[in-house]
N, C-alpha and C. Protein backbone atom coordinates (compact mmCIF):
# COMPACT_ATOMS: atom_id res chain seq x y z
N UNK A 1 121.86 115.09 86.71
CA UNK A 1 121.96 113.82 86.02
C UNK A 1 122.62 112.79 86.92
N UNK A 2 122.46 111.54 86.56
CA UNK A 2 123.10 110.44 87.28
C UNK A 2 123.97 109.68 86.29
N UNK A 3 125.19 109.34 86.70
CA UNK A 3 126.14 108.65 85.86
C UNK A 3 126.13 107.16 86.16
N UNK A 4 126.10 106.34 85.10
CA UNK A 4 126.17 104.89 85.23
C UNK A 4 127.38 104.40 84.45
N UNK A 5 128.21 103.60 85.09
CA UNK A 5 129.37 102.97 84.44
C UNK A 5 129.43 101.52 84.90
N UNK A 6 130.21 100.71 84.20
CA UNK A 6 130.33 99.31 84.61
C UNK A 6 130.88 99.17 86.02
N UNK A 7 131.73 100.10 86.43
CA UNK A 7 132.30 100.07 87.79
C UNK A 7 131.43 100.80 88.81
N UNK A 8 130.43 101.50 88.35
CA UNK A 8 129.57 102.30 89.23
C UNK A 8 128.15 102.16 88.70
N UNK A 9 127.36 101.29 89.31
CA UNK A 9 126.06 100.91 88.78
C UNK A 9 124.93 101.30 89.74
N UNK A 10 124.51 102.55 89.72
CA UNK A 10 123.39 102.90 90.59
C UNK A 10 122.15 102.09 90.22
N UNK A 11 121.40 101.72 91.21
CA UNK A 11 120.17 100.94 90.99
C UNK A 11 118.92 101.80 91.08
N UNK A 12 119.12 103.08 91.45
CA UNK A 12 117.99 103.99 91.57
C UNK A 12 118.34 105.33 90.94
N UNK A 13 117.30 105.99 90.46
CA UNK A 13 117.44 107.31 89.83
C UNK A 13 116.29 108.17 90.32
N UNK A 14 116.59 109.39 90.73
CA UNK A 14 115.53 110.30 91.15
C UNK A 14 114.65 110.68 89.97
N UNK A 15 113.35 110.72 90.19
CA UNK A 15 112.43 111.19 89.16
C UNK A 15 112.88 112.58 88.73
N UNK A 16 112.92 112.83 87.43
CA UNK A 16 113.35 114.11 86.89
C UNK A 16 114.81 114.16 86.47
N UNK A 17 115.60 113.17 86.89
CA UNK A 17 117.01 113.15 86.52
C UNK A 17 117.22 112.50 85.16
N UNK A 18 118.27 112.96 84.47
CA UNK A 18 118.72 112.32 83.24
C UNK A 18 119.71 111.22 83.62
N UNK A 19 119.73 110.14 82.86
CA UNK A 19 120.68 109.06 83.08
C UNK A 19 121.73 109.11 81.97
N UNK A 20 123.00 109.12 82.36
CA UNK A 20 124.10 109.10 81.40
C UNK A 20 124.88 107.81 81.58
N UNK A 21 124.98 107.03 80.52
CA UNK A 21 125.75 105.79 80.54
C UNK A 21 127.10 106.09 79.89
N UNK A 22 128.18 105.89 80.65
CA UNK A 22 129.53 106.21 80.21
C UNK A 22 130.37 104.94 80.19
N UNK A 23 130.94 104.62 79.02
CA UNK A 23 131.81 103.46 78.87
C UNK A 23 133.04 103.86 78.07
N UNK A 24 134.06 103.00 78.06
CA UNK A 24 135.33 103.36 77.44
C UNK A 24 135.42 103.07 75.94
N UNK A 25 134.49 102.30 75.40
CA UNK A 25 134.53 101.96 73.97
C UNK A 25 133.15 102.21 73.36
N UNK A 26 133.07 102.40 72.04
CA UNK A 26 131.78 102.64 71.39
C UNK A 26 130.81 101.48 71.64
N UNK A 27 129.55 101.83 71.90
CA UNK A 27 128.54 100.83 72.20
C UNK A 27 127.17 101.30 71.73
N UNK A 28 126.26 100.35 71.66
CA UNK A 28 124.85 100.65 71.42
C UNK A 28 124.10 100.24 72.67
N UNK A 29 123.25 101.14 73.16
CA UNK A 29 122.43 100.83 74.33
C UNK A 29 121.05 100.40 73.84
N UNK A 30 120.69 99.18 74.17
CA UNK A 30 119.37 98.62 73.86
C UNK A 30 118.57 98.81 75.14
N UNK A 31 117.53 99.66 75.12
CA UNK A 31 116.88 100.02 76.37
C UNK A 31 115.37 100.16 76.21
N UNK A 32 114.70 100.03 77.35
CA UNK A 32 113.25 100.20 77.40
C UNK A 32 112.84 100.64 78.80
N UNK A 33 111.55 100.86 78.96
CA UNK A 33 111.04 101.29 80.26
C UNK A 33 109.95 100.32 80.73
N UNK A 34 109.82 100.23 82.03
CA UNK A 34 108.75 99.46 82.67
C UNK A 34 108.59 98.06 82.08
N UNK A 35 109.66 97.27 82.18
CA UNK A 35 109.60 95.90 81.70
C UNK A 35 109.85 95.77 80.21
N UNK A 36 110.78 96.55 79.69
CA UNK A 36 111.19 96.49 78.28
C UNK A 36 110.10 96.95 77.32
N UNK A 37 109.29 97.94 77.73
CA UNK A 37 108.33 98.55 76.81
C UNK A 37 109.03 99.69 76.05
N UNK A 38 108.49 100.03 74.90
CA UNK A 38 109.02 101.14 74.09
C UNK A 38 110.53 101.00 73.86
N UNK A 39 110.98 99.82 73.46
CA UNK A 39 112.40 99.53 73.30
C UNK A 39 113.02 100.38 72.18
N UNK A 40 114.22 100.87 72.46
CA UNK A 40 114.98 101.67 71.49
C UNK A 40 116.44 101.25 71.52
N UNK A 41 117.15 101.52 70.44
CA UNK A 41 118.60 101.35 70.38
C UNK A 41 119.22 102.72 70.17
N UNK A 42 120.17 103.08 71.02
CA UNK A 42 120.83 104.38 70.94
C UNK A 42 122.33 104.17 70.90
N UNK A 43 122.99 104.71 69.87
CA UNK A 43 124.44 104.62 69.75
C UNK A 43 125.12 105.65 70.64
N UNK A 44 126.23 105.26 71.23
CA UNK A 44 126.99 106.18 72.07
C UNK A 44 127.67 107.25 71.22
N UNK A 45 127.99 108.36 71.88
CA UNK A 45 128.74 109.46 71.27
C UNK A 45 130.09 109.56 71.96
N UNK A 46 131.13 109.88 71.21
CA UNK A 46 132.46 110.04 71.78
C UNK A 46 132.58 111.43 72.40
N UNK A 47 132.76 111.48 73.72
CA UNK A 47 132.89 112.74 74.44
C UNK A 47 134.32 112.98 74.90
N UNK A 48 135.29 112.34 74.30
CA UNK A 48 136.71 112.40 74.68
C UNK A 48 136.97 111.69 76.01
N UNK A 49 136.20 111.94 77.04
CA UNK A 49 136.39 111.25 78.32
C UNK A 49 135.88 109.82 78.26
N UNK A 50 135.13 109.49 77.22
CA UNK A 50 134.55 108.17 77.05
C UNK A 50 133.38 108.25 76.08
N UNK A 51 132.69 107.16 75.95
CA UNK A 51 131.54 107.08 75.04
C UNK A 51 130.28 107.12 75.89
N UNK A 52 129.34 107.99 75.50
CA UNK A 52 128.19 108.32 76.35
C UNK A 52 126.88 108.15 75.59
N UNK A 53 125.89 107.62 76.29
CA UNK A 53 124.50 107.67 75.85
C UNK A 53 123.73 108.45 76.90
N UNK A 54 122.99 109.46 76.46
CA UNK A 54 122.10 110.22 77.34
C UNK A 54 120.71 109.62 77.21
N UNK A 55 120.20 109.08 78.30
CA UNK A 55 118.86 108.50 78.27
C UNK A 55 117.85 109.55 78.71
N UNK A 56 116.90 109.89 77.86
CA UNK A 56 115.91 110.92 78.17
C UNK A 56 114.78 110.36 79.04
N UNK A 57 115.10 110.13 80.29
CA UNK A 57 114.12 109.49 81.18
C UNK A 57 113.60 110.46 82.25
N UNK A 58 113.83 111.76 82.04
CA UNK A 58 113.44 112.75 83.04
C UNK A 58 111.94 112.78 83.32
N UNK A 59 111.12 112.35 82.36
CA UNK A 59 109.67 112.42 82.54
C UNK A 59 109.10 111.18 83.21
N UNK A 60 109.95 110.21 83.52
CA UNK A 60 109.46 109.03 84.23
C UNK A 60 109.13 109.40 85.67
N UNK A 61 108.21 108.67 86.25
CA UNK A 61 107.74 108.94 87.61
C UNK A 61 108.25 107.88 88.57
N UNK A 62 108.20 108.22 89.86
CA UNK A 62 108.53 107.23 90.89
C UNK A 62 107.68 105.99 90.66
N UNK A 63 108.31 104.83 90.74
CA UNK A 63 107.63 103.57 90.47
C UNK A 63 107.90 103.03 89.08
N UNK A 64 108.36 103.89 88.16
CA UNK A 64 108.75 103.43 86.83
C UNK A 64 110.15 102.80 86.91
N UNK A 65 110.60 102.23 85.81
CA UNK A 65 111.93 101.63 85.77
C UNK A 65 112.50 101.70 84.36
N UNK A 66 113.82 101.57 84.29
CA UNK A 66 114.54 101.56 83.02
C UNK A 66 115.33 100.25 82.97
N UNK A 67 115.28 99.58 81.82
CA UNK A 67 116.07 98.38 81.61
C UNK A 67 116.98 98.62 80.41
N UNK A 68 118.20 98.08 80.45
CA UNK A 68 119.06 98.23 79.29
C UNK A 68 120.10 97.12 79.22
N UNK A 69 120.60 96.94 78.00
CA UNK A 69 121.67 96.00 77.71
C UNK A 69 122.68 96.72 76.82
N UNK A 70 123.92 96.27 76.87
CA UNK A 70 125.02 96.93 76.16
C UNK A 70 125.54 96.01 75.06
N UNK A 71 125.64 96.55 73.84
CA UNK A 71 126.27 95.82 72.73
C UNK A 71 127.47 96.62 72.26
N UNK A 72 128.64 95.98 72.27
CA UNK A 72 129.87 96.64 71.85
C UNK A 72 129.89 96.73 70.33
N UNK A 73 130.06 97.94 69.80
CA UNK A 73 129.97 98.13 68.35
C UNK A 73 131.11 97.48 67.59
N UNK A 74 132.32 97.46 68.12
CA UNK A 74 133.47 96.91 67.39
C UNK A 74 133.30 95.41 67.12
N UNK A 75 132.81 94.68 68.11
CA UNK A 75 132.70 93.22 67.98
C UNK A 75 131.28 92.74 67.71
N UNK A 76 130.30 93.57 68.09
CA UNK A 76 128.90 93.14 68.00
C UNK A 76 128.47 92.28 69.17
N UNK A 77 129.39 92.05 70.12
CA UNK A 77 129.09 91.23 71.29
C UNK A 77 128.27 92.01 72.32
N UNK A 78 127.43 91.27 73.04
CA UNK A 78 126.67 91.84 74.15
C UNK A 78 127.52 91.76 75.41
N UNK A 79 127.28 92.67 76.34
CA UNK A 79 127.99 92.67 77.62
C UNK A 79 127.70 91.39 78.40
N UNK A 80 126.53 90.81 78.21
CA UNK A 80 126.25 89.53 78.85
C UNK A 80 125.31 89.60 80.03
N UNK A 81 124.79 90.77 80.32
CA UNK A 81 123.80 90.91 81.39
C UNK A 81 122.89 92.09 81.08
N UNK A 82 121.70 92.04 81.64
CA UNK A 82 120.75 93.15 81.53
C UNK A 82 120.83 93.96 82.82
N UNK A 83 120.59 95.26 82.71
CA UNK A 83 120.66 96.16 83.85
C UNK A 83 119.30 96.78 84.09
N UNK A 84 119.03 97.15 85.34
CA UNK A 84 117.71 97.64 85.76
C UNK A 84 117.92 98.79 86.74
N UNK A 85 117.21 99.88 86.51
CA UNK A 85 117.26 101.03 87.43
C UNK A 85 115.83 101.43 87.76
N UNK A 86 115.54 101.56 89.05
CA UNK A 86 114.23 101.99 89.52
C UNK A 86 114.19 103.51 89.66
N UNK A 87 113.10 104.11 89.24
CA UNK A 87 112.88 105.55 89.43
C UNK A 87 112.21 105.74 90.78
N UNK A 88 112.78 106.62 91.58
CA UNK A 88 112.25 106.85 92.93
C UNK A 88 111.95 108.34 93.13
N UNK A 89 111.22 108.64 94.19
CA UNK A 89 110.85 110.02 94.46
C UNK A 89 111.71 110.69 95.52
N UNK A 90 112.47 109.90 96.29
CA UNK A 90 113.31 110.47 97.35
C UNK A 90 114.76 110.51 96.93
N UNK A 91 115.67 110.49 97.89
CA UNK A 91 117.10 110.52 97.59
C UNK A 91 117.57 109.19 97.04
N UNK A 92 118.31 109.24 95.92
CA UNK A 92 118.86 108.01 95.32
C UNK A 92 120.20 107.69 95.94
């Protein structure tokens, strides 16, 4: 798997890897693939070390991409930027 945090933002993910988004407070991940297609909202789970969303993107192929935005559940506010990760076939 590959870990994504606000302080650590990989821009690439190896095809076949799971993406885990880890933040310190409860959030909803608004996400889609290949230009915001098949958009979904996924609530984070409390894992004690932080709040995590597991993105099931293992079946994406090199050349695909994942886009997401973060909404903080306590306030309803958005993080204020969209994030993008490219799926690649070599080393990320």
